Amino acid sequence: MLKPLIEFALYNKRMATKKNKKNTNGNSNIAQNRRARHDYFLEDKFEAGIVLEGWEVKSLRDGRLQLNESYISLDRGEAWLHGAHISALLSASTHIHPEHVRRRKLLLNRVELNRLVSAVDRKGYTIVPVAMYWKKGRAKLEIALAKGKQHHDKRAASKDQDWAREKARVFRNR
């Protein structure tokens, strides 16, 4: 009676270590746009696919992406990513002439696109890229509807961050 329970516990332990190994192999996060959180109030977030070329996917696997000065525009019912810099690998093919900063199409469904268009046109929102990550082997871009912060809003946010940091330091030292 005791032997099957021990075997079951050992089996569960082996499976748990396999799951942990699988999760620690690679980081799914490619890049983040921290500037967006500083400059905007982020409200609704969406997950968009992105149309990439082969050399761009290889560069993303190496983590060569900058989203700092990128933005998203809506043109004829389609969303486009502008200003994202993907630098090519040194071992790229000789017959490919990579364009580092180019317009890349975002893949969203019609309902999401209509919602983004109405928010940008009627309510004065802007759309900013927040992060890029891997999901089931595909590159996904997290975008957000955002309202711009004024200078006093940024100061208040930095005060709140400083206070939270100081509070954590006090509790840690106790």
Protein backbone atom coordinates (compact mmCIF):
# COMPACT_ATOMS: atom_id res chain seq x y z
CA MET A 1 0.00 0.00 0.00
CA LEU A 2 2.84 2.39 0.81
CA LYS A 3 4.92 1.59 -2.28
CA PRO A 4 2.49 3.08 -4.87
CA LEU A 5 2.28 6.31 -2.85
CA ILE A 6 6.06 6.65 -2.78
CA GLU A 7 6.30 5.98 -6.52
CA PHE A 8 3.55 8.56 -7.16
CA ALA A 9 5.39 11.17 -5.05
CA LEU A 10 8.66 10.51 -6.89
CA TYR A 11 6.87 10.80 -10.25
CA ASN A 12 5.35 14.15 -9.23
CA LYS A 13 8.73 15.42 -8.08
CA ARG A 14 10.34 14.47 -11.43
CA MET A 15 7.56 16.18 -13.38
CA ALA A 16 7.84 19.35 -11.27
CA THR A 17 11.58 19.59 -11.93
CA LYS A 18 10.97 19.12 -15.67
CA LYS A 19 8.47 21.99 -15.64
CA ASN A 20 10.90 24.22 -13.74
CA LYS A 21 13.70 23.43 -16.18
CA LYS A 22 11.43 24.21 -19.09
CA ASN A 23 10.53 27.64 -17.68
CA THR A 24 14.08 28.66 -16.81
CA ASN A 25 15.60 27.87 -20.23
CA GLY A 26 14.64 31.14 -21.89
CA ASN A 27 13.20 34.48 -21.01
CA SER A 28 10.05 35.19 -23.00
CA ASN A 29 10.54 38.95 -22.68
CA ILE A 30 12.38 40.53 -25.64
CA ALA A 31 12.21 44.25 -24.86
CA GLN A 32 10.23 46.77 -22.84
CA ASN A 33 9.42 50.41 -23.43
CA ARG A 34 9.91 51.88 -19.96
CA ARG A 35 9.67 55.37 -21.37
CA ALA A 36 6.00 54.75 -22.22
CA ARG A 37 5.13 54.14 -18.57
CA HIS A 38 6.91 57.37 -17.64
CA ASP A 39 5.35 59.58 -20.32
CA TYR A 40 1.79 58.19 -20.52
CA PHE A 41 -1.10 56.94 -18.44
CA LEU A 42 -1.61 53.46 -19.87
CA GLU A 43 -5.24 52.39 -19.88
CA ASP A 44 -6.29 49.48 -22.13
CA LYS A 45 -3.73 46.93 -23.28
CA PHE A 46 -3.87 44.74 -26.36
CA GLU A 47 -1.74 41.89 -27.68
CA ALA A 48 -0.81 42.17 -31.34
CA GLY A 49 1.07 39.89 -33.66
CA ILE A 50 3.71 41.45 -35.88
CA VAL A 51 4.79 40.77 -39.46
CA LEU A 52 8.57 40.17 -39.50
CA GLU A 53 11.22 39.04 -41.94
CA GLY A 54 13.49 36.09 -41.23
CA TRP A 55 16.57 38.08 -40.21
CA GLU A 56 14.40 40.13 -37.83
CA VAL A 57 13.22 37.01 -36.02
CA LYS A 58 16.82 35.85 -35.58
CA SER A 59 17.78 39.27 -34.22
CA LEU A 60 14.84 39.24 -31.81
CA ARG A 61 15.95 35.84 -30.50
CA ASP A 62 19.28 37.53 -29.73
CA GLY A 63 17.46 40.45 -28.00
CA ARG A 64 18.41 43.17 -30.50
CA LEU A 65 15.32 45.38 -30.29
CA GLN A 66 14.74 48.94 -29.10
CA LEU A 67 11.22 50.25 -28.58
CA ASN A 68 12.19 53.58 -27.01
CA GLU A 69 11.21 55.95 -29.80
CA SER A 70 8.63 53.77 -31.50
CA TYR A 71 4.97 54.58 -31.99
CA ILE A 72 1.91 53.08 -33.65
CA SER A 73 -0.16 54.66 -36.39
CA LEU A 74 -3.48 53.64 -37.88
CA ASP A 75 -3.72 53.79 -41.66
CA ARG A 76 -6.71 52.56 -43.71
CA GLY A 77 -7.96 50.30 -40.95
CA GLU A 78 -4.55 48.73 -40.26
CA ALA A 79 -2.10 49.26 -37.42
CA TRP A 80 1.58 49.91 -38.17
CA LEU A 81 4.62 50.01 -35.89
CA HIS A 82 7.04 52.83 -36.69
CA GLY A 83 10.47 53.56 -35.26
CA ALA A 84 11.25 50.19 -33.68
CA HIS A 85 14.94 49.51 -34.22
CA ILE A 86 15.93 45.89 -34.86
CA SER A 87 19.66 45.64 -35.49
CA ALA A 88 20.83 42.82 -37.72
CA LEU A 89 23.15 40.07 -36.57
CA LEU A 90 26.72 40.22 -37.81
CA SER A 91 26.31 36.74 -39.25
CA ALA A 92 23.39 37.77 -41.45
CA SER A 93 23.35 36.64 -45.04
CA THR A 94 25.25 38.68 -47.63
CA HIS A 95 22.36 38.92 -50.08
CA ILE A 96 20.03 40.58 -47.56
CA HIS A 97 20.31 44.33 -46.98
CA PRO A 98 18.46 44.80 -43.69
CA GLU A 99 16.45 47.94 -43.05
CA HIS A 100 16.79 48.48 -39.29
CA VAL A 101 13.98 50.98 -38.82
CA ARG A 102 11.04 50.24 -41.07
CA ARG A 103 7.27 50.18 -40.92
CA ARG A 104 5.98 46.84 -39.62
CA LYS A 105 2.38 45.70 -39.81
CA LEU A 106 0.57 44.71 -36.62
CA LEU A 107 -1.92 41.87 -36.62
CA LEU A 108 -5.10 42.65 -34.69
CA ASN A 109 -8.67 41.48 -35.18
CA ARG A 110 -11.29 43.84 -36.59
CA VAL A 111 -13.03 44.49 -33.25
CA GLU A 112 -9.77 45.58 -31.62
CA LEU A 113 -8.87 47.78 -34.58
CA ASN A 114 -12.27 49.48 -34.52
CA ARG A 115 -11.91 50.11 -30.80
CA LEU A 116 -8.44 51.62 -31.28
CA VAL A 117 -9.59 53.82 -34.18
CA SER A 118 -12.55 55.18 -32.23
CA ALA A 119 -10.44 55.89 -29.12
CA VAL A 120 -7.76 57.71 -31.12
CA ASP A 121 -10.19 59.73 -33.25
CA ARG A 122 -12.85 60.64 -30.70
CA LYS A 123 -11.22 60.60 -27.30
CA GLY A 124 -7.72 61.87 -28.10
CA TYR A 125 -5.79 58.79 -27.06
CA THR A 126 -2.53 57.65 -28.56
CA ILE A 127 -1.29 54.10 -29.07
CA VAL A 128 2.13 53.18 -27.73
CA PRO A 129 4.09 49.91 -27.76
CA VAL A 130 4.79 48.72 -24.23
CA ALA A 131 6.65 45.41 -24.58
CA MET A 132 7.58 42.67 -27.00
CA TYR A 133 7.74 39.03 -25.92
CA TRP A 134 7.56 35.44 -27.17
CA LYS A 135 4.33 33.51 -26.89
CA LYS A 136 4.22 29.93 -28.22
CA GLY A 137 7.21 30.63 -30.47
CA ARG A 138 5.75 33.79 -32.00
CA ALA A 139 6.71 37.39 -31.35
CA LYS A 140 3.89 39.40 -29.77
CA LEU A 141 3.75 43.14 -29.17
CA GLU A 142 1.87 44.54 -26.20
CA ILE A 143 0.31 47.87 -27.11
CA ALA A 144 -1.69 50.25 -24.96
CA LEU A 145 -4.14 53.08 -25.34
CA ALA A 146 -2.50 55.97 -23.54
CA LYS A 147 -3.07 59.55 -22.50
CA GLY A 148 -0.08 61.86 -22.20
CA LYS A 149 1.15 62.97 -18.78
CA GLN A 150 1.81 66.60 -17.95
CA HIS A 151 4.97 67.65 -16.12
CA HIS A 152 3.20 67.82 -12.73
CA ASP A 153 1.83 64.31 -13.26
CA LYS A 154 5.34 62.98 -13.82
CA ARG A 155 6.55 64.71 -10.66
CA ALA A 156 3.71 63.20 -8.62
CA ALA A 157 4.43 59.74 -10.02
CA SER A 158 8.13 60.02 -9.16
CA LYS A 159 7.19 61.18 -5.62
CA ASP A 160 4.98 58.12 -5.20
CA GLN A 161 7.77 55.83 -6.42
CA ASP A 162 10.28 57.45 -4.04
CA TRP A 163 7.86 57.07 -1.13
CA ALA A 164 7.20 53.41 -1.95
CA ARG A 165 10.94 52.76 -2.18
CA GLU A 166 11.58 54.50 1.16
CA LYS A 167 8.70 52.64 2.82
CA ALA A 168 10.08 49.31 1.59
CA ARG A 169 13.53 50.22 2.89
CA VAL A 170 12.16 51.05 6.35
CA PHE A 171 10.19 47.81 6.57
CA ARG A 172 13.19 45.80 5.37
CA ASN A 173 15.48 47.29 8.05
CA ARG A 174 13.06 46.53 10.92
